């Protein structure tokens, strides 16, 4: 069995800027509505954590993705809530999407999928942290990896209280693993003891530093024709150029995209580098010296990767 339609994951560490990139997928009939699917993330976390077999993970990805694609062709589970990333109300083909609600279930739906050259985008987190495991699924999935400076991500995590919410907030939707009797986010499983004993602010810095380190390592080892890194700052300031890059990556004519969908996102826009310096200064006084040093090291490596 294979995927029944072309699929792209808009992926990245939480707060990396995927929400800024995702609206471009409203711009053309070449795209079906954006899909959130945390169950895929749980299974990926289970595969990386050795809690699931590769065979189970691959079959799960296939079944869930194909189910979501099939349901979308019938208008099932569409999000009509305005101002949300996955809402269909801002899509260029909104009227035709509403008409899908009247379609009959059955084999004709599969024929429609087969005859259309359409891409289904999924919104995901952390798939590329273990890109080798992702590749082991042996699925024809394109991956757009949104990258952002780890200081920016950490600052945002602290504001969002991710150091404490990941365990207590039922809306965090993050997979947890049991390590020596304690629950920790799966991204912290390799340094669970340190994470548990750290302040809620240091917990954010520890996970972001480790995740960025792993992500850069995977990108350097496995860059291929189905993986496209997109840098947050570039997409914000050179939006048309970056959208063209994504369109070409997905084999879509960029001239057919209606980029008015990006206007509500204030794109393109200028980025004041001094604002990042202010955040770094605040983080230096908030985090422990050892965690701040880790972030500084990975920040320097991140900047080196982007320049290269």
C-alpha atoms as a PDB file:
ATOM      1  CA  UNK A   1       0.000   0.000   0.000  1.00  0.00           C
ATOM      2  CA  UNK A   2       1.141   3.558  -0.713  1.00  0.00           C
ATOM      3  CA  UNK A   3      -0.051   7.086  -0.050  1.00  0.00           C
ATOM      4  CA  UNK A   4      -3.021   7.974  -2.259  1.00  0.00           C
ATOM      5  CA  UNK A   5      -1.997  11.602  -2.776  1.00  0.00           C
ATOM      6  CA  UNK A   6       1.122  13.744  -2.655  1.00  0.00           C
ATOM      7  CA  UNK A   7       1.834  14.809   0.926  1.00  0.00           C
ATOM      8  CA  UNK A   8       4.022  17.504   2.483  1.00  0.00           C
ATOM      9  CA  UNK A   9       4.725  17.990   6.183  1.00  0.00           C
ATOM     10  CA  UNK A  10       5.212  21.596   7.316  1.00  0.00           C
ATOM     11  CA  UNK A  11       7.436  20.681  10.221  1.00  0.00           C
ATOM     12  CA  UNK A  12       9.484  22.359  12.914  1.00  0.00           C
ATOM     13  CA  UNK A  13      10.197  22.700  16.612  1.00  0.00           C
ATOM     14  CA  UNK A  14       7.284  24.275  18.474  1.00  0.00           C
ATOM     15  CA  UNK A  15       7.301  28.098  18.023  1.00  0.00           C
ATOM     16  CA  UNK A  16       9.717  27.946  15.091  1.00  0.00           C
ATOM     17  CA  UNK A  17       7.410  29.840  12.732  1.00  0.00           C
ATOM     18  CA  UNK A  18       5.328  27.200  10.960  1.00  0.00           C
ATOM     19  CA  UNK A  19       2.223  29.320  11.523  1.00  0.00           C
ATOM     20  CA  UNK A  20       3.805  32.033   9.383  1.00  0.00           C
ATOM     21  CA  UNK A  21       4.623  29.642   6.528  1.00  0.00           C
ATOM     22  CA  UNK A  22       1.427  27.575   6.569  1.00  0.00           C
ATOM     23  CA  UNK A  23      -0.952  30.260   5.156  1.00  0.00           C
ATOM     24  CA  UNK A  24       0.721  29.997   1.734  1.00  0.00           C
ATOM     25  CA  UNK A  25      -1.091  26.665   1.378  1.00  0.00           C
ATOM     26  CA  UNK A  26      -4.367  28.583   1.088  1.00  0.00           C
ATOM     27  CA  UNK A  27      -3.159  30.225  -2.125  1.00  0.00           C
ATOM     28  CA  UNK A  28      -3.993  27.661  -4.797  1.00  0.00           C
ATOM     29  CA  UNK A  29      -6.267  24.813  -5.829  1.00  0.00           C
ATOM     30  CA  UNK A  30      -3.088  22.756  -5.947  1.00  0.00           C
ATOM     31  CA  UNK A  31      -3.418  22.379  -2.161  1.00  0.00           C
ATOM     32  CA  UNK A  32      -6.028  20.657  -0.057  1.00  0.00           C
ATOM     33  CA  UNK A  33      -6.775  22.147   3.389  1.00  0.00           C
ATOM     34  CA  UNK A  34      -4.034  21.985   6.007  1.00  0.00           C
ATOM     35  CA  UNK A  35      -4.367  19.062   8.419  1.00  0.00           C
ATOM     36  CA  UNK A  36      -3.301  18.861  12.060  1.00  0.00           C
ATOM     37  CA  UNK A  37      -2.649  15.286  13.149  1.00  0.00           C
ATOM     38  CA  UNK A  38      -1.081  14.918  16.584  1.00  0.00           C
ATOM     39  CA  UNK A  39      -1.573  11.153  16.426  1.00  0.00           C
ATOM     40  CA  UNK A  40       1.190  10.990  13.795  1.00  0.00           C
ATOM     41  CA  UNK A  41       3.465  12.859  16.185  1.00  0.00           C
ATOM     42  CA  UNK A  42       2.677  10.439  19.020  1.00  0.00           C
ATOM     43  CA  UNK A  43       3.563   7.476  16.834  1.00  0.00           C
ATOM     44  CA  UNK A  44       6.770   9.129  15.638  1.00  0.00           C
ATOM     45  CA  UNK A  45       7.722   9.812  19.267  1.00  0.00           C
ATOM     46  CA  UNK A  46       6.949   6.185  20.102  1.00  0.00           C
ATOM     47  CA  UNK A  47       9.156   4.991  17.244  1.00  0.00           C
ATOM     48  CA  UNK A  48      12.076   7.207  18.291  1.00  0.00           C
ATOM     49  CA  UNK A  49      11.632   6.184  21.946  1.00  0.00           C
ATOM     50  CA  UNK A  50      11.676   2.481  20.971  1.00  0.00           C
ATOM     51  CA  UNK A  51       8.145   2.015  22.290  1.00  0.00           C
ATOM     52  CA  UNK A  52       6.741   1.023  18.885  1.00  0.00           C
ATOM     53  CA  UNK A  53       7.962  -1.150  16.047  1.00  0.00           C
ATOM     54  CA  UNK A  54       8.863   0.270  12.644  1.00  0.00           C
ATOM     55  CA  UNK A  55       6.206  -1.910  10.978  1.00  0.00           C
ATOM     56  CA  UNK A  56       3.462  -0.560  13.268  1.00  0.00           C
ATOM     57  CA  UNK A  57       4.604   3.050  12.798  1.00  0.00           C
ATOM     58  CA  UNK A  58       4.733   2.773   8.994  1.00  0.00           C
ATOM     59  CA  UNK A  59       1.299   1.164   8.740  1.00  0.00           C
ATOM     60  CA  UNK A  60      -0.139   3.746  11.122  1.00  0.00           C
ATOM     61  CA  UNK A  61       1.229   6.641   9.051  1.00  0.00           C
ATOM     62  CA  UNK A  62      -0.164   5.119   5.865  1.00  0.00           C
ATOM     63  CA  UNK A  63      -3.608   4.435   7.264  1.00  0.00           C
ATOM     64  CA  UNK A  64      -4.030   7.775   9.047  1.00  0.00           C
ATOM     65  CA  UNK A  65      -2.734   9.927   6.180  1.00  0.00           C
ATOM     66  CA  UNK A  66      -4.862   8.127   3.587  1.00  0.00           C
ATOM     67  CA  UNK A  67      -7.898   8.370   5.868  1.00  0.00           C
ATOM     68  CA  UNK A  68      -7.398  12.134   6.299  1.00  0.00           C
ATOM     69  CA  UNK A  69      -7.005  12.612   2.531  1.00  0.00           C
ATOM     70  CA  UNK A  70     -10.132  10.565   1.797  1.00  0.00           C
ATOM     71  CA  UNK A  71     -12.180  12.407   4.422  1.00  0.00           C
ATOM     72  CA  UNK A  72     -11.022  15.784   3.088  1.00  0.00           C
ATOM     73  CA  UNK A  73     -12.386  14.908  -0.360  1.00  0.00           C
ATOM     74  CA  UNK A  74     -15.805  14.564   1.291  1.00  0.00           C
ATOM     75  CA  UNK A  75     -15.447  17.688   3.416  1.00  0.00           C
ATOM     76  CA  UNK A  76     -15.271  15.659   6.609  1.00  0.00           C
ATOM     77  CA  UNK A  77     -13.576  17.276   9.604  1.00  0.00           C
ATOM     78  CA  UNK A  78     -13.036  20.624   7.860  1.00  0.00           C
ATOM     79  CA  UNK A  79     -12.261  23.480  10.223  1.00  0.00           C
ATOM     80  CA  UNK A  80     -14.647  26.398   9.644  1.00  0.00           C
ATOM     81  CA  UNK A  81     -13.412  28.412  12.633  1.00  0.00           C
ATOM     82  CA  UNK A  82     -12.216  31.759  11.305  1.00  0.00           C
ATOM     83  CA  UNK A  83      -8.708  33.087  12.028  1.00  0.00           C
ATOM     84  CA  UNK A  84      -7.248  29.634  12.666  1.00  0.00           C
ATOM     85  CA  UNK A  85      -4.361  28.260  10.620  1.00  0.00           C
ATOM     86  CA  UNK A  86      -6.258  25.222   9.383  1.00  0.00           C
ATOM     87  CA  UNK A  87      -9.537  27.035   8.711  1.00  0.00           C
ATOM     88  CA  UNK A  88     -10.886  26.547   5.184  1.00  0.00           C
ATOM     89  CA  UNK A  89     -12.614  29.944   5.099  1.00  0.00           C
ATOM     90  CA  UNK A  90      -9.485  31.741   3.845  1.00  0.00           C
ATOM     91  CA  UNK A  91      -8.700  29.247   1.087  1.00  0.00           C
ATOM     92  CA  UNK A  92      -8.869  30.388  -2.527  1.00  0.00           C
ATOM     93  CA  UNK A  93     -11.263  27.540  -3.436  1.00  0.00           C
ATOM     94  CA  UNK A  94     -13.521  27.949  -0.404  1.00  0.00           C
ATOM     95  CA  UNK A  95     -16.757  27.596  -2.388  1.00  0.00           C
ATOM     96  CA  UNK A  96     -15.696  24.342  -4.058  1.00  0.00           C
ATOM     97  CA  UNK A  97     -14.608  22.980  -0.677  1.00  0.00           C
ATOM     98  CA  UNK A  98     -18.114  23.595   0.687  1.00  0.00           C
ATOM     99  CA  UNK A  99     -19.563  21.712  -2.284  1.00  0.00           C
ATOM    100  CA  UNK A 100     -17.652  18.612  -1.211  1.00  0.00           C
ATOM    101  CA  UNK A 101     -20.096  18.261   1.667  1.00  0.00           C
ATOM    102  CA  UNK A 102     -22.695  17.060  -0.846  1.00  0.00           C
ATOM    103  CA  UNK A 103     -20.538  14.324  -2.392  1.00  0.00           C
ATOM    104  CA  UNK A 104     -21.441  10.682  -1.919  1.00  0.00           C
ATOM    105  CA  UNK A 105     -19.115   8.311  -0.094  1.00  0.00           C
ATOM    106  CA  UNK A 106     -17.653   5.482  -2.188  1.00  0.00           C
ATOM    107  CA  UNK A 107     -15.156   4.410  -4.835  1.00  0.00           C
ATOM    108  CA  UNK A 108     -15.744   7.547  -6.912  1.00  0.00           C
ATOM    109  CA  UNK A 109     -13.943   9.497  -4.207  1.00  0.00           C
ATOM    110  CA  UNK A 110     -10.822   7.405  -4.705  1.00  0.00           C
ATOM    111  CA  UNK A 111     -11.038   7.943  -8.455  1.00  0.00           C
ATOM    112  CA  UNK A 112     -11.255  11.711  -7.892  1.00  0.00           C
ATOM    113  CA  UNK A 113      -8.157  11.583  -5.695  1.00  0.00           C
ATOM    114  CA  UNK A 114      -6.295   9.535  -8.278  1.00  0.00           C
ATOM    115  CA  UNK A 115      -7.188  11.894 -11.127  1.00  0.00           C
ATOM    116  CA  UNK A 116      -6.241  15.101  -9.312  1.00  0.00           C
ATOM    117  CA  UNK A 117      -2.739  16.517  -9.001  1.00  0.00           C
ATOM    118  CA  UNK A 118      -3.236  17.917  -5.514  1.00  0.00           C
ATOM    119  CA  UNK A 119      -0.979  18.163  -2.460  1.00  0.00           C
ATOM    120  CA  UNK A 120      -2.188  17.593   1.089  1.00  0.00           C
ATOM    121  CA  UNK A 121      -0.194  19.597   3.679  1.00  0.00           C
ATOM    122  CA  UNK A 122       0.126  18.359   7.259  1.00  0.00           C
ATOM    123  CA  UNK A 123       1.228  20.576  10.146  1.00  0.00           C
ATOM    124  CA  UNK A 124       3.696  18.668  12.354  1.00  0.00           C
ATOM    125  CA  UNK A 125       6.319  19.092  15.064  1.00  0.00           C
ATOM    126  CA  UNK A 126       9.714  17.486  15.576  1.00  0.00           C
ATOM    127  CA  UNK A 127       9.605  14.974  12.704  1.00  0.00           C
ATOM    128  CA  UNK A 128      13.087  15.952  11.539  1.00  0.00           C
ATOM    129  CA  UNK A 129      14.708  15.680  14.985  1.00  0.00           C
ATOM    130  CA  UNK A 130      15.116  12.001  14.133  1.00  0.00           C
ATOM    131  CA  UNK A 131      15.016  12.282  10.375  1.00  0.00           C
ATOM    132  CA  UNK A 132      16.749   8.929   9.972  1.00  0.00           C
ATOM    133  CA  UNK A 133      13.794   7.287  11.730  1.00  0.00           C
ATOM    134  CA  UNK A 134      11.417   9.306   9.572  1.00  0.00           C
ATOM    135  CA  UNK A 135      13.199   8.077   6.435  1.00  0.00           C
ATOM    136  CA  UNK A 136      12.979   4.506   7.722  1.00  0.00           C
ATOM    137  CA  UNK A 137       9.191   4.723   7.307  1.00  0.00           C
ATOM    138  CA  UNK A 138       9.929   4.615   3.557  1.00  0.00           C
ATOM    139  CA  UNK A 139       7.044   6.907   2.642  1.00  0.00           C
ATOM    140  CA  UNK A 140       6.935   9.455  -0.180  1.00  0.00           C
ATOM    141  CA  UNK A 141       6.474  12.448   2.106  1.00  0.00           C
ATOM    142  CA  UNK A 142       7.983  15.855   1.392  1.00  0.00           C
ATOM    143  CA  UNK A 143       9.210  17.784   4.412  1.00  0.00           C
ATOM    144  CA  UNK A 144       9.478  21.567   4.750  1.00  0.00           C
ATOM    145  CA  UNK A 145      11.512  22.176   7.896  1.00  0.00           C
ATOM    146  CA  UNK A 146      11.005  25.634   9.403  1.00  0.00           C
ATOM    147  CA  UNK A 147      14.092  26.794  11.302  1.00  0.00           C
ATOM    148  CA  UNK A 148      14.358  29.568  13.879  1.00  0.00           C
ATOM    149  CA  UNK A 149      17.108  30.762  16.170  1.00  0.00           C
ATOM    150  CA  UNK A 150      17.066  28.713  19.433  1.00  0.00           C
ATOM    151  CA  UNK A 151      17.186  31.864  21.557  1.00  0.00           C
ATOM    152  CA  UNK A 152      13.969  33.069  19.905  1.00  0.00           C
ATOM    153  CA  UNK A 153      12.286  29.698  20.437  1.00  0.00           C
ATOM    154  CA  UNK A 154      13.380  29.464  24.084  1.00  0.00           C
ATOM    155  CA  UNK A 155      12.163  32.982  24.818  1.00  0.00           C
ATOM    156  CA  UNK A 156       8.773  32.094  23.330  1.00  0.00           C
ATOM    157  CA  UNK A 157       8.617  28.790  25.235  1.00  0.00           C
ATOM    158  CA  UNK A 158       9.198  30.568  28.534  1.00  0.00           C
ATOM    159  CA  UNK A 159       6.446  33.081  27.766  1.00  0.00           C
ATOM    160  CA  UNK A 160       4.119  30.164  26.954  1.00  0.00           C
ATOM    161  CA  UNK A 161       5.194  28.358  30.177  1.00  0.00           C
ATOM    162  CA  UNK A 162       6.153  25.183  28.320  1.00  0.00           C
ATOM    163  CA  UNK A 163       8.502  24.179  31.138  1.00  0.00           C
ATOM    164  CA  UNK A 164       5.521  23.370  33.330  1.00  0.00           C
ATOM    165  CA  UNK A 165       2.580  23.009  30.927  1.00  0.00           C
ATOM    166  CA  UNK A 166       3.965  19.952  29.153  1.00  0.00           C
ATOM    167  CA  UNK A 167       3.183  17.839  32.209  1.00  0.00           C
ATOM    168  CA  UNK A 168       0.066  19.489  33.598  1.00  0.00           C
ATOM    169  CA  UNK A 169      -1.847  21.150  30.756  1.00  0.00           C
ATOM    170  CA  UNK A 170      -4.188  18.789  28.838  1.00  0.00           C
ATOM    171  CA  UNK A 171      -3.836  21.153  25.833  1.00  0.00           C
ATOM    172  CA  UNK A 172      -0.089  20.593  25.452  1.00  0.00           C
ATOM    173  CA  UNK A 173      -0.698  17.475  23.288  1.00  0.00           C
ATOM    174  CA  UNK A 174       2.907  16.364  23.782  1.00  0.00           C
ATOM    175  CA  UNK A 175       3.865  12.718  24.135  1.00  0.00           C
ATOM    176  CA  UNK A 176       5.280  11.855  27.568  1.00  0.00           C
ATOM    177  CA  UNK A 177       7.545   8.955  28.465  1.00  0.00           C
ATOM    178  CA  UNK A 178       8.159   7.291  31.829  1.00  0.00           C
ATOM    179  CA  UNK A 179      11.800   7.445  32.960  1.00  0.00           C
ATOM    180  CA  UNK A 180      12.705   5.982  36.373  1.00  0.00           C
ATOM    181  CA  UNK A 181       9.171   6.476  37.604  1.00  0.00           C
ATOM    182  CA  UNK A 182       8.764  10.068  36.384  1.00  0.00           C
ATOM    183  CA  UNK A 183       6.985  11.425  33.324  1.00  0.00           C
ATOM    184  CA  UNK A 184       9.004  13.704  31.042  1.00  0.00           C
ATOM    185  CA  UNK A 185       8.462  15.057  27.503  1.00  0.00           C
ATOM    186  CA  UNK A 186       9.772  12.557  25.001  1.00  0.00           C
ATOM    187  CA  UNK A 187      12.246  15.164  23.705  1.00  0.00           C
ATOM    188  CA  UNK A 188      13.868  15.176  27.177  1.00  0.00           C
ATOM    189  CA  UNK A 189      14.207  11.415  27.579  1.00  0.00           C
ATOM    190  CA  UNK A 190      18.001  11.492  27.072  1.00  0.00           C
ATOM    191  CA  UNK A 191      18.498  13.928  29.971  1.00  0.00           C
ATOM    192  CA  UNK A 192      15.425  13.176  32.071  1.00  0.00           C
ATOM    193  CA  UNK A 193      17.136  13.541  35.453  1.00  0.00           C
ATOM    194  CA  UNK A 194      18.504  16.971  34.630  1.00  0.00           C
ATOM    195  CA  UNK A 195      15.158  18.079  33.171  1.00  0.00           C
ATOM    196  CA  UNK A 196      13.207  17.003  36.277  1.00  0.00           C
ATOM    197  CA  UNK A 197      15.544  18.812  38.675  1.00  0.00           C
ATOM    198  CA  UNK A 198      15.702  22.030  36.618  1.00  0.00           C
ATOM    199  CA  UNK A 199      13.679  25.222  36.915  1.00  0.00           C
ATOM    200  CA  UNK A 200      10.750  25.580  34.525  1.00  0.00           C
ATOM    201  CA  UNK A 201      12.758  28.166  32.561  1.00  0.00           C
ATOM    202  CA  UNK A 202      15.826  25.937  32.292  1.00  0.00           C
ATOM    203  CA  UNK A 203      13.616  23.074  31.133  1.00  0.00           C
ATOM    204  CA  UNK A 204      12.681  25.162  28.097  1.00  0.00           C
ATOM    205  CA  UNK A 205      16.283  25.979  27.290  1.00  0.00           C
ATOM    206  CA  UNK A 206      17.438  22.389  27.750  1.00  0.00           C
ATOM    207  CA  UNK A 207      14.873  20.928  25.344  1.00  0.00           C
ATOM    208  CA  UNK A 208      15.316  23.660  22.725  1.00  0.00           C
ATOM    209  CA  UNK A 209      19.111  23.379  22.814  1.00  0.00           C
ATOM    210  CA  UNK A 210      19.069  19.585  22.553  1.00  0.00           C
ATOM    211  CA  UNK A 211      16.363  19.576  19.860  1.00  0.00           C
ATOM    212  CA  UNK A 212      18.179  22.180  17.761  1.00  0.00           C
ATOM    213  CA  UNK A 213      21.440  20.277  18.112  1.00  0.00           C
ATOM    214  CA  UNK A 214      19.807  17.051  16.911  1.00  0.00           C
ATOM    215  CA  UNK A 215      17.940  18.825  14.127  1.00  0.00           C
ATOM    216  CA  UNK A 216      21.067  20.456  12.682  1.00  0.00           C
ATOM    217  CA  UNK A 217      22.902  17.141  12.814  1.00  0.00           C
ATOM    218  CA  UNK A 218      20.108  15.376  10.937  1.00  0.00           C
ATOM    219  CA  UNK A 219      19.832  18.121   8.320  1.00  0.00           C
ATOM    220  CA  UNK A 220      23.567  18.023   7.643  1.00  0.00           C
ATOM    221  CA  UNK A 221      23.523  14.249   7.231  1.00  0.00           C
ATOM    222  CA  UNK A 222      20.326  13.761   5.272  1.00  0.00           C
ATOM    223  CA  UNK A 223      19.576  16.770   3.082  1.00  0.00           C
ATOM    224  CA  UNK A 224      17.837  15.378  -0.010  1.00  0.00           C
ATOM    225  CA  UNK A 225      15.334  16.206  -2.719  1.00  0.00           C
ATOM    226  CA  UNK A 226      12.357  15.652  -0.383  1.00  0.00           C
ATOM    227  CA  UNK A 227      13.603  17.922   2.403  1.00  0.00           C
ATOM    228  CA  UNK A 228      13.612  21.720   2.232  1.00  0.00           C
ATOM    229  CA  UNK A 229      14.881  23.849   5.151  1.00  0.00           C
ATOM    230  CA  UNK A 230      13.198  27.274   5.415  1.00  0.00           C
ATOM    231  CA  UNK A 231      14.677  29.915   7.706  1.00  0.00           C
ATOM    232  CA  UNK A 232      12.174  32.019   9.702  1.00  0.00           C
ATOM    233  CA  UNK A 233      13.963  35.337   9.115  1.00  0.00           C
ATOM    234  CA  UNK A 234      14.234  34.773   5.363  1.00  0.00           C
ATOM    235  CA  UNK A 235      10.570  33.862   4.995  1.00  0.00           C
ATOM    236  CA  UNK A 236       9.536  36.947   6.962  1.00  0.00           C
ATOM    237  CA  UNK A 237      11.695  39.408   5.031  1.00  0.00           C
ATOM    238  CA  UNK A 238      11.954  37.796   1.556  1.00  0.00           C
ATOM    239  CA  UNK A 239       8.527  36.189   1.454  1.00  0.00           C
ATOM    240  CA  UNK A 240       7.988  36.040  -2.313  1.00  0.00           C
ATOM    241  CA  UNK A 241      11.414  34.535  -2.881  1.00  0.00           C
ATOM    242  CA  UNK A 242      10.868  31.879  -0.212  1.00  0.00           C
ATOM    243  CA  UNK A 243       7.362  31.049  -1.462  1.00  0.00           C
ATOM    244  CA  UNK A 244       8.814  30.563  -4.949  1.00  0.00           C
ATOM    245  CA  UNK A 245      11.433  28.252  -3.472  1.00  0.00           C
ATOM    246  CA  UNK A 246       8.728  26.168  -1.764  1.00  0.00           C
ATOM    247  CA  UNK A 247       6.589  26.069  -4.924  1.00  0.00           C
ATOM    248  CA  UNK A 248       9.510  24.827  -7.005  1.00  0.00           C
ATOM    249  CA  UNK A 249      10.324  22.245  -4.324  1.00  0.00           C
ATOM    250  CA  UNK A 250       6.771  20.915  -4.654  1.00  0.00           C
ATOM    251  CA  UNK A 251       6.811  21.183  -8.464  1.00  0.00           C
ATOM    252  CA  UNK A 252       4.135  23.909  -8.570  1.00  0.00           C
ATOM    253  CA  UNK A 253       4.122  26.972 -10.797  1.00  0.00           C
ATOM    254  CA  UNK A 254       4.642  29.889  -8.353  1.00  0.00           C
ATOM    255  CA  UNK A 255       2.844  32.255 -10.737  1.00  0.00           C
ATOM    256  CA  UNK A 256      -0.395  30.394 -10.018  1.00  0.00           C
ATOM    257  CA  UNK A 257      -0.286  31.208  -6.296  1.00  0.00           C
ATOM    258  CA  UNK A 258      -2.506  33.989  -4.966  1.00  0.00           C
ATOM    259  CA  UNK A 259      -0.282  35.481  -2.279  1.00  0.00           C
ATOM    260  CA  UNK A 260      -2.934  37.845  -0.974  1.00  0.00           C
ATOM    261  CA  UNK A 261      -3.487  35.102   1.605  1.00  0.00           C
ATOM    262  CA  UNK A 262      -0.247  36.221   3.269  1.00  0.00           C
ATOM    263  CA  UNK A 263      -1.284  39.844   3.770  1.00  0.00           C
ATOM    264  CA  UNK A 264      -2.999  39.179   7.135  1.00  0.00           C
ATOM    265  CA  UNK A 265       0.317  37.689   8.313  1.00  0.00           C
ATOM    266  CA  UNK A 266       2.033  41.073   7.717  1.00  0.00           C
ATOM    267  CA  UNK A 267       4.361  39.535   5.147  1.00  0.00           C
ATOM    268  CA  UNK A 268       6.872  40.529   4.076  1.00  0.00           C
ATOM    269  CA  UNK A 269       8.033  42.474   7.115  1.00  0.00           C
ATOM    270  CA  UNK A 270      11.248  43.814   8.566  1.00  0.00           C
ATOM    271  CA  UNK A 271      13.037  42.118  11.448  1.00  0.00           C
ATOM    272  CA  UNK A 272      14.835  44.272  13.996  1.00  0.00           C
ATOM    273  CA  UNK A 273      17.948  42.341  15.027  1.00  0.00           C
ATOM    274  CA  UNK A 274      18.237  44.439  18.180  1.00  0.00           C
ATOM    275  CA  UNK A 275      15.047  42.801  19.489  1.00  0.00           C
ATOM    276  CA  UNK A 276      16.820  39.436  19.491  1.00  0.00           C
ATOM    277  CA  UNK A 277      19.731  40.951  21.409  1.00  0.00           C
ATOM    278  CA  UNK A 278      17.276  42.161  24.058  1.00  0.00           C
ATOM    279  CA  UNK A 279      15.789  38.668  24.353  1.00  0.00           C
ATOM    280  CA  UNK A 280      19.238  37.091  24.665  1.00  0.00           C
ATOM    281  CA  UNK A 281      20.113  39.557  27.436  1.00  0.00           C
ATOM    282  CA  UNK A 282      16.898  38.688  29.299  1.00  0.00           C
ATOM    283  CA  UNK A 283      17.537  34.966  28.890  1.00  0.00           C
ATOM    284  CA  UNK A 284      21.039  35.360  30.303  1.00  0.00           C
ATOM    285  CA  UNK A 285      19.540  36.679  33.535  1.00  0.00           C
ATOM    286  CA  UNK A 286      16.725  34.102  33.576  1.00  0.00           C
ATOM    287  CA  UNK A 287      18.537  30.851  32.789  1.00  0.00           C
ATOM    288  CA  UNK A 288      21.299  29.110  34.688  1.00  0.00           C
ATOM    289  CA  UNK A 289      24.804  29.734  33.379  1.00  0.00           C
ATOM    290  CA  UNK A 290      25.163  26.165  32.080  1.00  0.00           C
ATOM    291  CA  UNK A 291      21.878  26.197  30.138  1.00  0.00           C
ATOM    292  CA  UNK A 292      22.566  29.644  28.715  1.00  0.00           C
ATOM    293  CA  UNK A 293      25.990  28.421  27.573  1.00  0.00           C
ATOM    294  CA  UNK A 294      24.384  25.441  25.833  1.00  0.00           C
ATOM    295  CA  UNK A 295      21.991  27.753  24.046  1.00  0.00           C
ATOM    296  CA  UNK A 296      24.800  30.086  23.022  1.00  0.00           C
ATOM    297  CA  UNK A 297      26.767  27.183  21.558  1.00  0.00           C
ATOM    298  CA  UNK A 298      23.810  25.900  19.551  1.00  0.00           C
ATOM    299  CA  UNK A 299      22.888  29.469  18.550  1.00  0.00           C
ATOM    300  CA  UNK A 300      26.360  29.906  17.030  1.00  0.00           C
ATOM    301  CA  UNK A 301      26.076  26.543  15.269  1.00  0.00           C
ATOM    302  CA  UNK A 302      22.613  27.479  13.994  1.00  0.00           C
ATOM    303  CA  UNK A 303      23.881  30.760  12.543  1.00  0.00           C
ATOM    304  CA  UNK A 304      26.762  28.908  10.903  1.00  0.00           C
ATOM    305  CA  UNK A 305      24.349  26.403   9.344  1.00  0.00           C
ATOM    306  CA  UNK A 306      22.072  29.133   8.001  1.00  0.00           C
ATOM    307  CA  UNK A 307      24.975  31.023   6.438  1.00  0.00           C
ATOM    308  CA  UNK A 308      26.224  27.841   4.777  1.00  0.00           C
END
